[in-house]
C-alpha atoms as a PDB file:
ATOM      1  CA  UNK A   1     -54.801 -38.136  22.531  1.00  0.00           C
ATOM      2  CA  UNK A   2     -58.150 -36.772  21.334  1.00  0.00           C
ATOM      3  CA  UNK A   3     -61.165 -39.028  20.933  1.00  0.00           C
ATOM      4  CA  UNK A   4     -64.549 -38.525  19.321  1.00  0.00           C
ATOM      5  CA  UNK A   5     -66.852 -40.471  21.600  1.00  0.00           C
ATOM      6  CA  UNK A   6     -70.231 -40.553  23.306  1.00  0.00           C
ATOM      7  CA  UNK A   7     -70.994 -39.037  26.684  1.00  0.00           C
ATOM      8  CA  UNK A   8     -74.097 -40.419  28.405  1.00  0.00           C
ATOM      9  CA  UNK A   9     -76.893 -38.250  29.672  1.00  0.00           C
ATOM     10  CA  UNK A  10     -80.577 -38.721  30.402  1.00  0.00           C
ATOM     11  CA  UNK A  11     -82.461 -40.514  33.144  1.00  0.00           C
ATOM     12  CA  UNK A  12     -82.166 -44.069  34.370  1.00  0.00           C
ATOM     13  CA  UNK A  13     -82.993 -46.481  31.508  1.00  0.00           C
ATOM     14  CA  UNK A  14     -83.632 -43.493  29.211  1.00  0.00           C
ATOM     15  CA  UNK A  15     -80.190 -42.732  27.712  1.00  0.00           C
ATOM     16  CA  UNK A  16     -79.282 -39.939  25.375  1.00  0.00           C
ATOM     17  CA  UNK A  17     -75.704 -39.467  24.248  1.00  0.00           C
ATOM     18  CA  UNK A  18     -73.766 -36.325  23.369  1.00  0.00           C
ATOM     19  CA  UNK A  19     -71.089 -36.858  20.748  1.00  0.00           C
ATOM     20  CA  UNK A  20     -68.076 -34.997  22.080  1.00  0.00           C
ATOM     21  CA  UNK A  21     -64.408 -34.341  21.441  1.00  0.00           C
ATOM     22  CA  UNK A  22     -62.539 -35.260  24.633  1.00  0.00           C
ATOM     23  CA  UNK A  23     -59.131 -36.171  25.921  1.00  0.00           C
ATOM     24  CA  UNK A  24     -58.894 -39.973  26.079  1.00  0.00           C
ATOM     25  CA  UNK A  25     -57.675 -39.756  29.708  1.00  0.00           C
ATOM     26  CA  UNK A  26     -60.885 -38.071  30.912  1.00  0.00           C
ATOM     27  CA  UNK A  27     -63.873 -40.078  32.212  1.00  0.00           C
ATOM     28  CA  UNK A  28     -66.732 -40.990  29.876  1.00  0.00           C
ATOM     29  CA  UNK A  29     -69.102 -38.347  31.214  1.00  0.00           C
ATOM     30  CA  UNK A  30     -66.339 -35.964  32.300  1.00  0.00           C
ATOM     31  CA  UNK A  31     -64.886 -32.812  30.853  1.00  0.00           C
ATOM     32  CA  UNK A  32     -64.859 -32.467  27.077  1.00  0.00           C
ATOM     33  CA  UNK A  33     -63.541 -29.956  24.568  1.00  0.00           C
ATOM     34  CA  UNK A  34     -66.512 -29.584  22.228  1.00  0.00           C
ATOM     35  CA  UNK A  35     -69.949 -31.080  21.614  1.00  0.00           C
ATOM     36  CA  UNK A  36     -70.320 -32.076  17.951  1.00  0.00           C
ATOM     37  CA  UNK A  37     -73.640 -33.943  17.933  1.00  0.00           C
ATOM     38  CA  UNK A  38     -76.047 -36.205  19.783  1.00  0.00           C
ATOM     39  CA  UNK A  39     -77.509 -39.710  19.542  1.00  0.00           C
ATOM     40  CA  UNK A  40     -80.852 -40.873  20.911  1.00  0.00           C
ATOM     41  CA  UNK A  41     -81.017 -44.696  20.803  1.00  0.00           C
ATOM     42  CA  UNK A  42     -84.645 -44.777  21.949  1.00  0.00           C
ATOM     43  CA  UNK A  43     -85.955 -43.363  18.677  1.00  0.00           C
ATOM     44  CA  UNK A  44     -86.613 -45.667  15.688  1.00  0.00           C
ATOM     45  CA  UNK A  45     -83.737 -46.037  13.229  1.00  0.00           C
ATOM     46  CA  UNK A  46     -85.582 -44.344  10.394  1.00  0.00           C
ATOM     47  CA  UNK A  47     -86.161 -41.109  12.375  1.00  0.00           C
ATOM     48  CA  UNK A  48     -83.978 -38.184  11.391  1.00  0.00           C
ATOM     49  CA  UNK A  49     -83.810 -36.923  15.002  1.00  0.00           C
ATOM     50  CA  UNK A  50     -82.079 -40.119  16.198  1.00  0.00           C
ATOM     51  CA  UNK A  51     -78.612 -38.882  15.177  1.00  0.00           C
ATOM     52  CA  UNK A  52     -77.261 -35.397  14.647  1.00  0.00           C
ATOM     53  CA  UNK A  53     -73.656 -34.675  13.622  1.00  0.00           C
ATOM     54  CA  UNK A  54     -71.795 -31.419  12.975  1.00  0.00           C
ATOM     55  CA  UNK A  55     -69.845 -32.832  10.026  1.00  0.00           C
ATOM     56  CA  UNK A  56     -67.641 -29.771   9.472  1.00  0.00           C
ATOM     57  CA  UNK A  57     -66.411 -29.699  13.071  1.00  0.00           C
ATOM     58  CA  UNK A  58     -65.850 -33.462  13.069  1.00  0.00           C
ATOM     59  CA  UNK A  59     -63.725 -33.207   9.917  1.00  0.00           C
ATOM     60  CA  UNK A  60     -61.764 -30.377  11.551  1.00  0.00           C
ATOM     61  CA  UNK A  61     -61.053 -32.462  14.662  1.00  0.00           C
ATOM     62  CA  UNK A  62     -60.119 -35.532  12.611  1.00  0.00           C
ATOM     63  CA  UNK A  63     -57.560 -33.351  10.795  1.00  0.00           C
ATOM     64  CA  UNK A  64     -56.213 -32.327  14.224  1.00  0.00           C
ATOM     65  CA  UNK A  65     -55.710 -36.018  15.105  1.00  0.00           C
ATOM     66  CA  UNK A  66     -58.924 -36.981  16.918  1.00  0.00           C
ATOM     67  CA  UNK A  67     -59.785 -40.658  16.566  1.00  0.00           C
ATOM     68  CA  UNK A  68     -63.431 -41.817  16.597  1.00  0.00           C
ATOM     69  CA  UNK A  69     -64.614 -44.629  18.847  1.00  0.00           C
ATOM     70  CA  UNK A  70     -65.975 -47.769  17.171  1.00  0.00           C
ATOM     71  CA  UNK A  71     -69.611 -46.658  17.353  1.00  0.00           C
ATOM     72  CA  UNK A  72     -68.864 -43.137  16.182  1.00  0.00           C
ATOM     73  CA  UNK A  73     -66.747 -44.551  13.339  1.00  0.00           C
ATOM     74  CA  UNK A  74     -69.831 -46.470  12.167  1.00  0.00           C
ATOM     75  CA  UNK A  75     -71.935 -43.295  12.284  1.00  0.00           C
ATOM     76  CA  UNK A  76     -69.288 -41.358  10.372  1.00  0.00           C
ATOM     77  CA  UNK A  77     -68.953 -44.169   7.839  1.00  0.00           C
ATOM     78  CA  UNK A  78     -72.700 -44.055   7.164  1.00  0.00           C
ATOM     79  CA  UNK A  79     -72.441 -40.262   6.762  1.00  0.00           C
ATOM     80  CA  UNK A  80     -69.522 -40.734   4.286  1.00  0.00           C
ATOM     81  CA  UNK A  81     -67.132 -38.669   6.418  1.00  0.00           C
ATOM     82  CA  UNK A  82     -64.628 -41.507   6.746  1.00  0.00           C
ATOM     83  CA  UNK A  83     -64.491 -44.941   5.085  1.00  0.00           C
ATOM     84  CA  UNK A  84     -66.864 -47.425   6.678  1.00  0.00           C
ATOM     85  CA  UNK A  85     -65.107 -49.657   9.200  1.00  0.00           C
ATOM     86  CA  UNK A  86     -65.083 -53.377   8.466  1.00  0.00           C
ATOM     87  CA  UNK A  87     -68.065 -55.234   9.849  1.00  0.00           C
ATOM     88  CA  UNK A  88     -67.101 -57.376  12.797  1.00  0.00           C
ATOM     89  CA  UNK A  89     -68.182 -60.932  13.520  1.00  0.00           C
ATOM     90  CA  UNK A  90     -70.223 -61.757  16.556  1.00  0.00           C
ATOM     91  CA  UNK A  91     -68.032 -62.624  19.513  1.00  0.00           C
ATOM     92  CA  UNK A  92     -67.576 -66.214  20.591  1.00  0.00           C
ATOM     93  CA  UNK A  93     -69.569 -65.381  23.709  1.00  0.00           C
ATOM     94  CA  UNK A  94     -72.730 -65.283  21.620  1.00  0.00           C
ATOM     95  CA  UNK A  95     -72.304 -68.852  20.400  1.00  0.00           C
ATOM     96  CA  UNK A  96     -74.153 -71.620  22.285  1.00  0.00           C
ATOM     97  CA  UNK A  97     -72.130 -73.308  25.000  1.00  0.00           C
ATOM     98  CA  UNK A  98     -71.390 -77.059  25.202  1.00  0.00           C
ATOM     99  CA  UNK A  99     -74.613 -78.094  26.986  1.00  0.00           C
ATOM    100  CA  UNK A 100     -76.775 -76.028  24.661  1.00  0.00           C
ATOM    101  CA  UNK A 101     -75.087 -77.595  21.625  1.00  0.00           C
ATOM    102  CA  UNK A 102     -75.762 -81.061  23.080  1.00  0.00           C
ATOM    103  CA  UNK A 103     -79.444 -80.161  23.551  1.00  0.00           C
ATOM    104  CA  UNK A 104     -79.646 -78.875  19.996  1.00  0.00           C
ATOM    105  CA  UNK A 105     -78.043 -82.063  18.661  1.00  0.00           C
ATOM    106  CA  UNK A 106     -80.415 -84.230  20.731  1.00  0.00           C
ATOM    107  CA  UNK A 107     -83.411 -82.271  19.466  1.00  0.00           C
ATOM    108  CA  UNK A 108     -82.221 -82.682  15.872  1.00  0.00           C
ATOM    109  CA  UNK A 109     -81.813 -86.456  16.343  1.00  0.00           C
ATOM    110  CA  UNK A 110     -85.271 -86.713  17.904  1.00  0.00           C
ATOM    111  CA  UNK A 111     -86.729 -84.784  14.985  1.00  0.00           C
ATOM    112  CA  UNK A 112     -84.992 -87.082  12.477  1.00  0.00           C
ATOM    113  CA  UNK A 113     -86.206 -90.144  14.371  1.00  0.00           C
ATOM    114  CA  UNK A 114     -89.755 -88.786  14.348  1.00  0.00           C
ATOM    115  CA  UNK A 115     -89.597 -88.106  10.607  1.00  0.00           C
ATOM    116  CA  UNK A 116     -88.078 -91.486   9.716  1.00  0.00           C
ATOM    117  CA  UNK A 117     -91.124 -93.598  10.779  1.00  0.00           C
ATOM    118  CA  UNK A 118     -93.403 -91.191   8.933  1.00  0.00           C
ATOM    119  CA  UNK A 119     -91.464 -91.736   5.728  1.00  0.00           C
ATOM    120  CA  UNK A 120     -91.572 -95.508   6.270  1.00  0.00           C
ATOM    121  CA  UNK A 121     -95.289 -95.389   7.015  1.00  0.00           C
ATOM    122  CA  UNK A 122     -95.974 -93.462   3.829  1.00  0.00           C
ATOM    123  CA  UNK A 123     -94.885 -96.308   1.493  1.00  0.00           C
ATOM    124  CA  UNK A 124     -96.820 -98.806   3.624  1.00  0.00           C
ATOM    125  CA  UNK A 125     -99.902 -96.644   3.327  1.00  0.00           C
ATOM    126  CA  UNK A 126     -99.396 -96.480  -0.430  1.00  0.00           C
ATOM    127  CA  UNK A 127     -99.075-100.265  -0.532  1.00  0.00           C
ATOM    128  CA  UNK A 128    -102.331-100.613   1.395  1.00  0.00           C
ATOM    129  CA  UNK A 129    -103.996 -98.239  -1.051  1.00  0.00           C
ATOM    130  CA  UNK A 130    -102.627-100.302  -3.913  1.00  0.00           C
ATOM    131  CA  UNK A 131    -103.906-103.495  -2.280  1.00  0.00           C
ATOM    132  CA  UNK A 132    -107.339-101.994  -1.671  1.00  0.00           C
ATOM    133  CA  UNK A 133    -108.236-101.707  -5.394  1.00  0.00           C
ATOM    134  CA  UNK A 134    -107.118-105.330  -5.901  1.00  0.00           C
ATOM    135  CA  UNK A 135    -109.436-106.421  -3.115  1.00  0.00           C
ATOM    136  CA  UNK A 136    -112.256-104.409  -4.704  1.00  0.00           C
ATOM    137  CA  UNK A 137    -111.550-106.084  -8.029  1.00  0.00           C
ATOM    138  CA  UNK A 138    -111.828-109.509  -6.369  1.00  0.00           C
ATOM    139  CA  UNK A 139    -115.132-108.467  -4.820  1.00  0.00           C
ATOM    140  CA  UNK A 140    -116.332-107.249  -8.187  1.00  0.00           C
ATOM    141  CA  UNK A 141    -115.272-110.546  -9.780  1.00  0.00           C
ATOM    142  CA  UNK A 142    -117.006-112.600  -7.096  1.00  0.00           C
ATOM    143  CA  UNK A 143    -120.543-111.473  -8.016  1.00  0.00           C
ATOM    144  CA  UNK A 144    -119.763-112.168 -11.671  1.00  0.00           C
ATOM    145  CA  UNK A 145    -118.686-115.690 -10.767  1.00  0.00           C
ATOM    146  CA  UNK A 146    -121.919-116.147  -8.842  1.00  0.00           C
ATOM    147  CA  UNK A 147    -123.916-114.937 -11.844  1.00  0.00           C
ATOM    148  CA  UNK A 148    -122.126-117.440 -14.073  1.00  0.00           C
ATOM    149  CA  UNK A 149    -122.977-120.267 -11.671  1.00  0.00           C
ATOM    150  CA  UNK A 150    -126.611-119.235 -11.690  1.00  0.00           C
ATOM    151  CA  UNK A 151    -126.638-119.154 -15.507  1.00  0.00           C
ATOM    152  CA  UNK A 152    -125.266-122.676 -15.658  1.00  0.00           C
ATOM    153  CA  UNK A 153    -128.096-123.986 -13.536  1.00  0.00           C
END
């Protein structure tokens, strides 16, 4: 069975991939039938030189029965050669494990507990502010009362 897949080249930690037509039984970097493009993952995504495809040859090999790998199918979908494959969900491996979920839940509870006193303190502070003008009014009334007493004398 023919596959359209990537064959790794380049130095250690500096990969560059050839997009090749190969027999599915051959090793990843082994013998291939034809090179139909390349992919350089180290370049930014907006660079034109990041991906190069020989669309005509790829269409020819697809007609002959070659099947693209998942990554190549995405590239071909973006190039409108084949319909875009359905977007996959993240695997369950990426989800937080049991202990991490417990830590997250504990952190959320601590955050709620920290916010709750603040919300309770806010009305108390407003009450104190409301009481403060009343106290000022009493102080303002006190001198007036003293003035009245002096006038009576």
